[in-house]
N, C-alpha and C. Protein backbone atom coordinates (compact mmCIF):
# COMPACT_ATOMS: atom_id res chain seq x y z
N MET A 1 0.57 -1.33 -0.12
CA MET A 1 -0.09 0.16 0.20
C MET A 1 1.03 1.23 -0.39
N ASN A 2 0.61 1.93 -0.84
CA ASN A 2 1.14 3.47 -0.70
C ASN A 2 0.40 4.51 -0.06
N LEU A 3 1.30 5.05 0.53
CA LEU A 3 0.38 6.05 1.43
C LEU A 3 0.84 7.65 1.06
N LEU A 4 0.45 8.45 0.27
CA LEU A 4 0.58 9.57 0.00
C LEU A 4 0.59 11.07 0.98
N LEU A 5 1.14 11.68 1.87
CA LEU A 5 0.98 12.51 2.91
C LEU A 5 0.89 13.67 2.14
N LEU A 6 0.25 14.67 1.96
CA LEU A 6 -0.05 16.16 1.87
C LEU A 6 0.60 16.93 3.21
N VAL A 7 1.08 18.35 2.95
CA VAL A 7 1.29 19.13 3.76
C VAL A 7 1.10 20.19 3.47
N SER A 8 -0.17 20.34 3.92
CA SER A 8 -0.08 22.23 3.48
C SER A 8 0.31 23.13 4.55
N PHE A 9 0.93 24.02 3.87
CA PHE A 9 2.00 24.90 4.77
C PHE A 9 0.91 26.57 4.52
N ALA A 10 -0.41 26.29 4.40
CA ALA A 10 -1.04 27.51 4.05
C ALA A 10 -2.13 27.21 4.95
N SER A 11 -2.53 26.48 5.74
CA SER A 11 -3.07 26.23 7.35
C SER A 11 -2.49 26.61 8.31
N ALA A 12 -1.20 26.87 8.17
CA ALA A 12 -0.52 27.46 9.10
C ALA A 12 -0.70 28.69 9.54
N ASP A 13 -0.62 29.04 10.97
CA ASP A 13 -1.11 29.91 11.47
C ASP A 13 -0.32 31.21 11.25
N PRO A 14 -1.27 32.02 10.35
CA PRO A 14 0.27 33.29 9.91
C PRO A 14 0.79 33.83 11.21
N THR A 15 2.16 34.55 10.70
CA THR A 15 3.16 35.05 11.87
C THR A 15 2.40 36.45 12.34
N PRO A 16 2.86 37.11 13.72
CA PRO A 16 2.74 38.14 14.16
C PRO A 16 2.20 39.40 12.74
N PHE A 17 3.77 39.01 11.51
CA PHE A 17 4.13 40.40 10.73
C PHE A 17 3.52 40.09 9.70
N GLU A 18 2.71 38.65 9.38
CA GLU A 18 1.56 38.57 8.34
C GLU A 18 -0.13 38.92 8.99
N ARG A 19 0.17 38.67 9.74
CA ARG A 19 -1.44 39.09 10.23
C ARG A 19 -1.31 40.53 10.48
N TRP A 20 -0.25 41.31 10.75
CA TRP A 20 0.10 43.04 10.97
C TRP A 20 -0.01 43.44 9.63
N SER A 21 0.44 43.17 8.66
CA SER A 21 0.52 43.55 7.22
C SER A 21 -0.92 43.64 6.63
N GLU A 22 -1.49 42.47 6.99
CA GLU A 22 -2.80 42.98 5.85
C GLU A 22 -4.12 43.45 6.39
N ARG A 23 -3.34 43.93 7.15
CA ARG A 23 -4.47 45.20 7.85
C ARG A 23 -3.38 46.83 7.72
N HIS A 24 -1.94 46.56 7.49
CA HIS A 24 -1.24 47.61 7.29
C HIS A 24 -0.35 47.51 6.14
N PRO A 25 -0.50 47.74 5.11
CA PRO A 25 0.08 47.30 3.60
C PRO A 25 1.46 48.20 4.02
N VAL A 26 2.43 47.15 3.80
CA VAL A 26 3.93 48.01 4.08
C VAL A 26 4.31 48.38 2.92
N GLU A 27 4.88 49.69 3.00
CA GLU A 27 5.58 50.88 1.74
C GLU A 27 7.18 50.47 1.56
N TRP A 28 7.56 50.46 2.89
CA TRP A 28 9.11 50.34 2.54
C TRP A 28 9.30 49.96 3.77
N MET A 29 10.59 49.42 3.82
CA MET A 29 11.36 48.87 5.14
C MET A 29 12.62 50.05 5.61
N ALA A 30 12.22 50.28 7.03
CA ALA A 30 13.10 51.54 7.33
C ALA A 30 13.98 51.09 7.98
N THR A 31 14.99 51.57 8.64
CA THR A 31 16.30 51.22 9.34
C THR A 31 16.44 52.12 10.51
N HIS A 32 16.49 51.72 11.82
CA HIS A 32 16.95 52.87 12.35
C HIS A 32 18.25 52.25 13.31
N ARG A 33 19.12 53.37 13.84
CA ARG A 33 20.24 53.18 14.23
C ARG A 33 20.03 53.71 15.88
N VAL A 34 20.04 52.62 16.71
CA VAL A 34 19.32 52.91 18.15
C VAL A 34 20.91 53.65 18.84
N GLU A 35 19.90 54.69 19.54
CA GLU A 35 20.92 55.31 20.73
C GLU A 35 20.60 54.90 22.12
N TYR A 36 21.60 55.71 22.85
CA TYR A 36 21.67 54.98 23.96
C TYR A 36 20.26 55.14 24.88
N GLY A 37 20.22 54.13 25.62
CA GLY A 37 18.41 54.31 26.80
C GLY A 37 17.42 53.88 25.32
N GLU A 38 17.16 53.85 24.45
CA GLU A 38 16.24 53.46 23.76
C GLU A 38 15.89 51.96 23.87
N THR A 39 14.88 51.70 23.91
CA THR A 39 14.11 50.26 24.35
C THR A 39 12.92 49.82 23.08
N ALA A 40 13.30 48.85 22.52
CA ALA A 40 12.25 48.41 21.60
C ALA A 40 10.97 48.56 21.57
N TRP A 41 10.12 48.86 22.83
CA TRP A 41 8.86 49.17 23.19
C TRP A 41 8.82 50.74 23.10
N GLU A 42 9.84 51.45 22.76
CA GLU A 42 9.89 52.94 22.71
C GLU A 42 9.52 52.79 21.28
N LEU A 43 10.48 52.06 20.41
CA LEU A 43 10.45 52.35 19.02
C LEU A 43 9.01 51.97 18.26
N SER A 44 8.38 50.95 19.22
CA SER A 44 7.17 50.27 18.75
C SER A 44 5.74 51.20 19.05
N GLN A 45 6.14 51.96 20.43
CA GLN A 45 5.36 52.95 20.25
C GLN A 45 5.70 54.16 19.36
N ALA A 46 6.70 54.43 18.81
CA ALA A 46 7.34 55.82 18.14
C ALA A 46 6.57 55.50 16.62
N VAL A 47 6.51 54.06 16.10
CA VAL A 47 6.01 53.94 14.76
C VAL A 47 5.03 53.28 15.06
N GLY A 48 4.57 52.67 15.73
CA GLY A 48 3.17 51.98 15.83
C GLY A 48 3.18 50.85 14.98
N VAL A 49 4.66 50.08 15.41
CA VAL A 49 4.89 48.53 15.17
C VAL A 49 4.93 47.83 16.27
N PRO A 50 3.91 46.97 16.18
CA PRO A 50 3.96 46.38 17.62
C PRO A 50 5.30 45.06 17.70
N VAL A 51 5.86 44.70 18.89
CA VAL A 51 7.18 44.38 19.26
C VAL A 51 7.06 43.15 18.89
N PRO A 52 5.93 42.15 18.83
CA PRO A 52 5.78 40.62 17.93
C PRO A 52 6.48 41.09 17.00
N VAL A 53 5.87 41.87 16.12
CA VAL A 53 6.05 42.30 14.72
C VAL A 53 7.62 42.69 14.49
N LEU A 54 8.00 43.52 15.25
CA LEU A 54 9.75 44.00 15.23
C LEU A 54 10.47 42.82 15.78
N ARG A 55 10.43 41.88 16.43
CA ARG A 55 10.88 40.64 17.08
C ARG A 55 10.82 39.95 16.03
N GLU A 56 10.14 39.71 15.04
CA GLU A 56 10.23 39.14 14.33
C GLU A 56 10.88 39.04 12.34
N LEU A 57 11.09 40.40 12.60
CA LEU A 57 11.94 41.44 11.95
C LEU A 57 13.25 41.67 11.63
N THR A 58 13.65 40.99 12.83
CA THR A 58 15.05 41.14 13.45
C THR A 58 15.92 39.82 14.09
N THR A 59 17.20 39.98 13.73
CA THR A 59 17.66 38.83 14.42
C THR A 59 18.33 39.23 15.74
N LEU A 60 18.00 40.62 16.08
CA LEU A 60 18.08 41.23 17.47
C LEU A 60 17.41 40.55 18.57
N ASP A 61 18.53 41.03 19.66
CA ASP A 61 17.54 40.55 20.59
C ASP A 61 16.84 41.53 21.07
N LEU A 62 15.75 41.65 21.02
CA LEU A 62 15.01 43.07 21.25
C LEU A 62 15.35 43.54 23.22
N ASP A 63 15.37 42.94 23.72
CA ASP A 63 15.22 43.04 25.16
C ASP A 63 16.99 43.41 25.97
N ARG A 64 17.80 43.24 24.59
CA ARG A 64 19.11 44.14 24.91
C ARG A 64 19.56 44.51 23.67
N LEU A 65 18.91 45.74 23.10
CA LEU A 65 19.46 46.38 22.29
C LEU A 65 20.60 47.20 23.32
N HIS A 66 21.30 47.70 21.94
CA HIS A 66 22.99 48.10 22.35
C HIS A 66 22.82 49.44 21.16
N PRO A 67 23.27 50.61 21.83
CA PRO A 67 23.30 51.62 21.15
C PRO A 67 24.38 51.47 19.96
N GLY A 68 24.03 51.71 18.79
CA GLY A 68 24.59 51.54 17.89
C GLY A 68 23.91 50.34 16.21
N ASP A 69 23.10 49.74 17.39
CA ASP A 69 22.59 48.22 17.05
C ASP A 69 21.50 48.95 15.59
N TRP A 70 21.25 48.50 14.76
CA TRP A 70 20.35 49.01 13.51
C TRP A 70 19.12 47.81 13.45
N ILE A 71 18.02 48.82 13.53
CA ILE A 71 17.10 48.03 13.67
C ILE A 71 15.88 48.01 12.40
N SER A 72 15.38 47.26 11.57
CA SER A 72 14.52 47.54 10.57
C SER A 72 13.11 47.54 11.13
N PHE A 73 12.07 48.30 10.28
CA PHE A 73 10.81 48.49 10.65
C PHE A 73 10.07 48.84 9.57
N PRO A 74 8.75 48.11 9.17
CA PRO A 74 7.80 48.32 8.24
C PRO A 74 7.39 49.84 8.17
N VAL A 75 7.20 50.37 6.94
CA VAL A 75 6.76 51.98 6.48
C VAL A 75 5.37 51.78 6.51
N THR A 76 4.16 51.99 6.89
CA THR A 76 3.17 52.10 6.02
C THR A 76 2.42 53.21 5.94
N GLU A 77 1.34 53.21 5.60
CA GLU A 77 0.78 55.06 5.26
C GLU A 77 0.65 55.56 6.31
N GLN A 78 -0.03 54.91 7.56
CA GLN A 78 0.00 55.32 8.78
C GLN A 78 0.97 55.96 9.52
N ASN A 79 2.19 55.21 9.88
CA ASN A 79 2.94 55.74 10.11
C ASN A 79 4.60 56.27 9.91
N ARG A 80 4.11 56.46 8.23
CA ARG A 80 5.12 57.18 7.40
C ARG A 80 5.70 58.55 8.13
N GLU A 81 5.12 59.52 8.62
CA GLU A 81 5.54 60.70 9.13
C GLU A 81 6.36 60.46 10.40
N ALA A 82 5.80 59.21 11.48
CA ALA A 82 6.64 59.07 12.75
C ALA A 82 7.67 58.88 12.03
N ALA A 83 7.84 57.07 11.48
CA ALA A 83 9.05 56.89 10.40
C ALA A 83 10.11 57.95 10.15
N LEU A 84 9.80 58.38 9.49
CA LEU A 84 10.62 59.31 8.92
C LEU A 84 11.24 60.85 9.83
N GLN A 85 10.84 60.64 10.87
CA GLN A 85 11.51 61.41 12.29
C GLN A 85 12.73 60.58 12.90
N TRP A 86 12.50 59.32 12.81
CA TRP A 86 13.63 58.46 13.08
C TRP A 86 14.94 58.61 12.49
N HIS A 87 16.20 58.62 13.18
CA HIS A 87 17.25 58.11 12.31
C HIS A 87 17.72 56.93 11.52
N THR A 88 17.90 57.90 10.08
CA THR A 88 17.73 56.28 9.37
C THR A 88 19.26 56.01 8.85
N GLU A 89 19.44 54.54 8.18
CA GLU A 89 21.08 54.49 7.82
C GLU A 89 21.68 56.16 6.83
N GLU A 90 21.01 56.23 5.81
CA GLU A 90 21.04 57.21 5.07
C GLU A 90 21.70 58.52 5.42
N GLU A 91 21.14 59.31 6.61
CA GLU A 91 20.92 60.29 7.61
C GLU A 91 22.08 59.80 8.23
N CYS A 92 22.46 59.20 8.98
CA CYS A 92 23.59 58.85 9.41
C CYS A 92 24.37 58.78 9.18
N GLY A 93 24.48 58.14 7.90
CA GLY A 93 26.25 58.36 7.42
C GLY A 93 27.37 57.60 7.78
N CYS A 94 26.74 56.48 8.40
CA CYS A 94 27.67 55.52 9.13
C CYS A 94 28.32 54.44 8.36
């Protein structure tokens, strides 16, 4: 008897980023250089992107950010103005 096993990845639960981006279409990804004393929660609040979404998009340990770390976050129509106020790689000249 042959047994055929079909695996469907479509039925898997969506990730936090997938769920969030369904409601907030991403225009581009911005990059922010962490400054002394900044936390992932503060960045999350400033740009309107939940910490679980930020956590999914980085390899950094968001509980232990260090000055000089670069963190990427999605920019949408809703957070575009706030995102442009944060330092980006281009502005830094690093």
